[in-house]
């Protein structure tokens, strides 16, 4: 018995810690209608890539704003403390490498 898939969908999302008990969630859901001769694996790979790129594009301003706020907080610190604080920061990685 052959199974025919007519529609495929993917949902990709990320949650970002904004500090002070705040967070932001960015999600993207994409749907595609498939023809009988279309490769399901290729269609799904394309949907995943598009969803990830859309979430990344929406997250960039948020991540950049968050980094700018952190930088502003450290501006008044003595140079030694500022360097120590900057070394302890973890860069935001807007790609989910574990899911790839």
C-alpha atoms as a PDB file:
ATOM      1  CA  UNK A   1       0.000   0.000   0.000  1.00  0.00           C
ATOM      2  CA  UNK A   2       1.587   3.244  -1.139  1.00  0.00           C
ATOM      3  CA  UNK A   3       1.126   6.347   0.950  1.00  0.00           C
ATOM      4  CA  UNK A   4       0.632   9.631  -0.874  1.00  0.00           C
ATOM      5  CA  UNK A   5       1.578  12.792   0.991  1.00  0.00           C
ATOM      6  CA  UNK A   6      -0.272  15.831  -0.320  1.00  0.00           C
ATOM      7  CA  UNK A   7       0.668  18.442   2.278  1.00  0.00           C
ATOM      8  CA  UNK A   8       3.778  18.959   4.403  1.00  0.00           C
ATOM      9  CA  UNK A   9       4.380  21.406   7.232  1.00  0.00           C
ATOM     10  CA  UNK A  10       7.193  22.382   9.564  1.00  0.00           C
ATOM     11  CA  UNK A  11       7.306  24.567  12.658  1.00  0.00           C
ATOM     12  CA  UNK A  12      10.541  26.031  13.946  1.00  0.00           C
ATOM     13  CA  UNK A  13      10.900  28.321  16.936  1.00  0.00           C
ATOM     14  CA  UNK A  14      13.428  29.760  19.337  1.00  0.00           C
ATOM     15  CA  UNK A  15      13.081  31.304  22.779  1.00  0.00           C
ATOM     16  CA  UNK A  16      15.441  34.125  23.751  1.00  0.00           C
ATOM     17  CA  UNK A  17      16.203  35.232  27.297  1.00  0.00           C
ATOM     18  CA  UNK A  18      15.870  39.013  27.507  1.00  0.00           C
ATOM     19  CA  UNK A  19      16.864  39.236  31.165  1.00  0.00           C
ATOM     20  CA  UNK A  20      14.815  40.512  34.087  1.00  0.00           C
ATOM     21  CA  UNK A  21      12.539  37.445  33.839  1.00  0.00           C
ATOM     22  CA  UNK A  22      11.543  38.345  30.262  1.00  0.00           C
ATOM     23  CA  UNK A  23      11.808  36.211  27.181  1.00  0.00           C
ATOM     24  CA  UNK A  24      10.727  36.352  23.561  1.00  0.00           C
ATOM     25  CA  UNK A  25       9.614  33.436  21.431  1.00  0.00           C
ATOM     26  CA  UNK A  26       9.854  33.585  17.664  1.00  0.00           C
ATOM     27  CA  UNK A  27       8.108  30.830  15.704  1.00  0.00           C
ATOM     28  CA  UNK A  28       7.533  30.141  12.038  1.00  0.00           C
ATOM     29  CA  UNK A  29       5.180  27.538  10.552  1.00  0.00           C
ATOM     30  CA  UNK A  30       5.283  26.782   6.847  1.00  0.00           C
ATOM     31  CA  UNK A  31       2.980  24.592   4.762  1.00  0.00           C
ATOM     32  CA  UNK A  32       3.473  23.241   1.249  1.00  0.00           C
ATOM     33  CA  UNK A  33       1.103  21.427  -1.085  1.00  0.00           C
ATOM     34  CA  UNK A  34       3.003  18.653  -2.845  1.00  0.00           C
ATOM     35  CA  UNK A  35       2.471  17.201  -6.276  1.00  0.00           C
ATOM     36  CA  UNK A  36       2.636  13.440  -6.760  1.00  0.00           C
ATOM     37  CA  UNK A  37       6.026  13.600  -8.475  1.00  0.00           C
ATOM     38  CA  UNK A  38       7.626  15.944  -5.916  1.00  0.00           C
ATOM     39  CA  UNK A  39      10.353  14.586  -3.609  1.00  0.00           C
ATOM     40  CA  UNK A  40       9.069  14.742  -0.021  1.00  0.00           C
ATOM     41  CA  UNK A  41      12.557  14.809   1.549  1.00  0.00           C
ATOM     42  CA  UNK A  42      13.670  17.708  -0.652  1.00  0.00           C
ATOM     43  CA  UNK A  43      10.467  19.625   0.074  1.00  0.00           C
ATOM     44  CA  UNK A  44      10.851  19.112   3.831  1.00  0.00           C
ATOM     45  CA  UNK A  45      14.518  20.185   3.739  1.00  0.00           C
ATOM     46  CA  UNK A  46      13.531  23.348   1.868  1.00  0.00           C
ATOM     47  CA  UNK A  47      10.733  24.099   4.370  1.00  0.00           C
ATOM     48  CA  UNK A  48      13.095  23.632   7.337  1.00  0.00           C
ATOM     49  CA  UNK A  49      15.691  25.902   5.761  1.00  0.00           C
ATOM     50  CA  UNK A  50      13.095  28.606   5.051  1.00  0.00           C
ATOM     51  CA  UNK A  51      11.604  28.398   8.562  1.00  0.00           C
ATOM     52  CA  UNK A  52      15.036  28.624  10.234  1.00  0.00           C
ATOM     53  CA  UNK A  53      16.055  31.565   8.048  1.00  0.00           C
ATOM     54  CA  UNK A  54      12.812  33.420   8.798  1.00  0.00           C
ATOM     55  CA  UNK A  55      13.256  32.945  12.549  1.00  0.00           C
ATOM     56  CA  UNK A  56      16.891  34.029  12.289  1.00  0.00           C
ATOM     57  CA  UNK A  57      15.953  37.163  10.359  1.00  0.00           C
ATOM     58  CA  UNK A  58      13.301  38.090  12.915  1.00  0.00           C
ATOM     59  CA  UNK A  59      15.660  37.385  15.830  1.00  0.00           C
ATOM     60  CA  UNK A  60      18.586  39.507  14.607  1.00  0.00           C
ATOM     61  CA  UNK A  61      17.178  42.894  15.734  1.00  0.00           C
ATOM     62  CA  UNK A  62      16.220  41.384  19.093  1.00  0.00           C
ATOM     63  CA  UNK A  63      19.651  39.852  19.666  1.00  0.00           C
ATOM     64  CA  UNK A  64      21.460  43.002  18.520  1.00  0.00           C
ATOM     65  CA  UNK A  65      19.318  45.149  20.837  1.00  0.00           C
ATOM     66  CA  UNK A  66      20.045  42.822  23.744  1.00  0.00           C
ATOM     67  CA  UNK A  67      23.804  42.951  23.055  1.00  0.00           C
ATOM     68  CA  UNK A  68      23.671  46.766  22.859  1.00  0.00           C
ATOM     69  CA  UNK A  69      21.903  46.951  26.229  1.00  0.00           C
ATOM     70  CA  UNK A  70      24.539  44.735  27.817  1.00  0.00           C
ATOM     71  CA  UNK A  71      27.289  46.909  26.332  1.00  0.00           C
ATOM     72  CA  UNK A  72      25.620  50.033  27.719  1.00  0.00           C
ATOM     73  CA  UNK A  73      25.500  48.526  31.224  1.00  0.00           C
ATOM     74  CA  UNK A  74      29.241  47.826  31.204  1.00  0.00           C
ATOM     75  CA  UNK A  75      30.293  51.238  29.816  1.00  0.00           C
ATOM     76  CA  UNK A  76      30.704  52.818  33.270  1.00  0.00           C
ATOM     77  CA  UNK A  77      32.750  50.001  34.803  1.00  0.00           C
ATOM     78  CA  UNK A  78      36.492  50.296  35.344  1.00  0.00           C
ATOM     79  CA  UNK A  79      38.408  48.759  32.426  1.00  0.00           C
ATOM     80  CA  UNK A  80      39.533  45.639  34.365  1.00  0.00           C
ATOM     81  CA  UNK A  81      35.987  44.825  35.527  1.00  0.00           C
ATOM     82  CA  UNK A  82      34.598  45.521  32.076  1.00  0.00           C
ATOM     83  CA  UNK A  83      37.055  43.072  30.453  1.00  0.00           C
ATOM     84  CA  UNK A  84      36.260  40.418  33.055  1.00  0.00           C
ATOM     85  CA  UNK A  85      32.533  40.874  32.475  1.00  0.00           C
ATOM     86  CA  UNK A  86      32.872  40.761  28.692  1.00  0.00           C
ATOM     87  CA  UNK A  87      34.896  37.535  28.906  1.00  0.00           C
ATOM     88  CA  UNK A  88      32.170  35.905  30.984  1.00  0.00           C
ATOM     89  CA  UNK A  89      29.395  36.737  28.500  1.00  0.00           C
ATOM     90  CA  UNK A  90      28.161  33.995  26.219  1.00  0.00           C
ATOM     91  CA  UNK A  91      27.419  35.142  22.675  1.00  0.00           C
ATOM     92  CA  UNK A  92      23.911  34.543  21.463  1.00  0.00           C
ATOM     93  CA  UNK A  93      23.882  31.846  18.843  1.00  0.00           C
ATOM     94  CA  UNK A  94      20.680  32.251  16.860  1.00  0.00           C
ATOM     95  CA  UNK A  95      21.217  28.973  15.050  1.00  0.00           C
ATOM     96  CA  UNK A  96      20.118  25.817  16.771  1.00  0.00           C
ATOM     97  CA  UNK A  97      23.125  23.634  15.955  1.00  0.00           C
ATOM     98  CA  UNK A  98      21.791  20.724  18.049  1.00  0.00           C
ATOM     99  CA  UNK A  99      18.740  20.403  15.809  1.00  0.00           C
ATOM    100  CA  UNK A 100      20.756  20.260  12.575  1.00  0.00           C
END
